[in-house]
Protein backbone atom coordinates (compact mmCIF):
# COMPACT_ATOMS: atom_id res chain seq x y z
CA MET A 1 139.23 96.53 123.38
CA LYS A 2 136.16 97.22 121.26
CA GLN A 3 136.34 96.17 117.62
CA ASP A 4 136.05 99.74 116.32
CA THR A 5 138.98 100.90 118.45
CA LYS A 6 140.98 97.81 117.61
CA ARG A 7 140.52 98.47 113.88
CA LYS A 8 141.65 102.07 114.29
CA VAL A 9 144.73 101.08 116.27
CA ILE A 10 145.68 98.31 113.84
CA ARG A 11 145.24 100.65 110.88
CA ARG A 12 147.49 103.25 112.49
CA LEU A 13 150.09 100.61 113.36
CA ARG A 14 150.14 99.40 109.77
CA ILE A 15 150.77 102.96 108.62
CA ILE A 16 153.59 103.24 111.16
CA GLU A 17 154.99 99.92 109.93
CA GLY A 18 155.17 101.42 106.43
CA GLN A 19 156.83 104.54 107.80
CA ILE A 20 159.45 102.40 109.55
CA ARG A 21 160.15 100.49 106.33
CA GLY A 22 160.52 103.84 104.56
CA LEU A 23 162.92 104.98 107.26
CA GLN A 24 164.99 101.80 106.86
CA ASN A 25 165.04 102.34 103.10
CA MET A 26 166.21 105.91 103.59
CA ILE A 27 169.09 104.72 105.77
CA GLU A 28 170.03 101.97 103.32
CA HIS A 29 170.14 104.48 100.46
CA ASP A 30 172.03 107.16 102.40
CA ALA A 31 169.21 109.70 102.36
CA TYR A 32 169.90 113.23 103.53
CA CYS A 33 170.10 113.26 107.35
CA ILE A 34 167.48 115.96 107.80
CA HIS A 35 164.99 113.96 105.72
CA ILE A 36 165.67 110.91 107.92
CA LEU A 37 165.10 112.99 111.04
CA HIS A 38 161.82 114.35 109.64
CA GLN A 39 160.61 110.80 108.95
CA SER A 40 161.72 109.67 112.40
CA ALA A 41 159.77 112.52 114.00
CA ALA A 42 156.70 111.54 111.96
CA VAL A 43 156.97 107.97 113.28
CA LYS A 44 157.19 109.22 116.87
CA GLU A 45 154.16 111.44 116.34
CA ALA A 46 152.20 108.54 114.85
CA LEU A 47 153.08 106.29 117.80
CA SER A 48 152.04 109.03 120.17
CA GLY A 49 148.67 109.11 118.41
CA VAL A 50 148.27 105.36 118.98
CA GLU A 51 149.14 105.79 122.65
CA ASP A 52 146.62 108.63 122.98
CA LEU A 53 143.86 106.53 121.46
CA VAL A 54 144.57 103.50 123.65
CA LEU A 55 144.86 105.64 126.79
CA GLU A 56 141.60 107.45 126.04
CA LYS A 57 139.76 104.16 125.62
CA HIS A 58 141.34 102.78 128.78
CA LEU A 59 140.26 105.80 130.80
CA LYS A 60 136.71 105.71 129.42
CA THR A 61 136.24 102.00 130.05
CA HIS A 62 138.60 100.24 132.44
CA VAL A 63 139.31 103.14 134.77
CA VAL A 64 135.64 104.08 135.06
CA ASP A 65 134.81 100.43 135.76
CA GLN A 66 137.54 100.16 138.40
CA VAL A 67 136.30 103.27 140.18
CA LYS A 68 132.70 101.98 140.11
CA ARG A 69 133.88 98.70 141.66
CA GLY A 70 135.78 100.47 144.44
CA LYS A 71 139.23 99.85 142.97
CA GLU A 72 140.28 103.49 142.82
CA GLU A 73 143.79 102.72 144.06
CA LYS A 74 144.42 100.31 141.19
CA ALA A 75 143.20 102.86 138.66
CA ILE A 76 145.37 105.60 140.17
CA ASN A 77 148.45 103.37 140.20
CA GLU A 78 147.98 102.40 136.55
CA ILE A 79 147.60 106.02 135.48
CA LEU A 80 150.62 107.13 137.50
CA THR A 81 152.74 104.31 136.06
CA ILE A 82 151.88 105.32 132.50
CA TYR A 83 152.45 108.98 133.32
CA LYS A 84 155.91 108.23 134.73
CA LEU A 85 156.80 106.07 131.72
CA SER A 86 155.76 108.86 129.35
CA ARG A 87 158.15 111.28 131.06
CA LYS A 88 161.21 109.04 130.69
CA LYS A 89 163.62 109.77 127.89
CA ILE A 90 164.90 106.68 126.12
């Protein structure tokens, strides 16, 4: 991963880390349930943003490289695996 992208991802993850600590604090102090759910949704959205950034960089670099080297099947399988994972409900 390029340094610029890595810095962006790490920065976002640190923000998410703070959001998680805030969420824990809310639970510990019996915050109003709706406020907890709003914070939880914000964390999910932030993680989704990290995933989007990493996926975009992967497509622009690794997938393009795999296709150029004749490894289309590997690239397709990786993309399909991530797609299927993203559709699963945890």
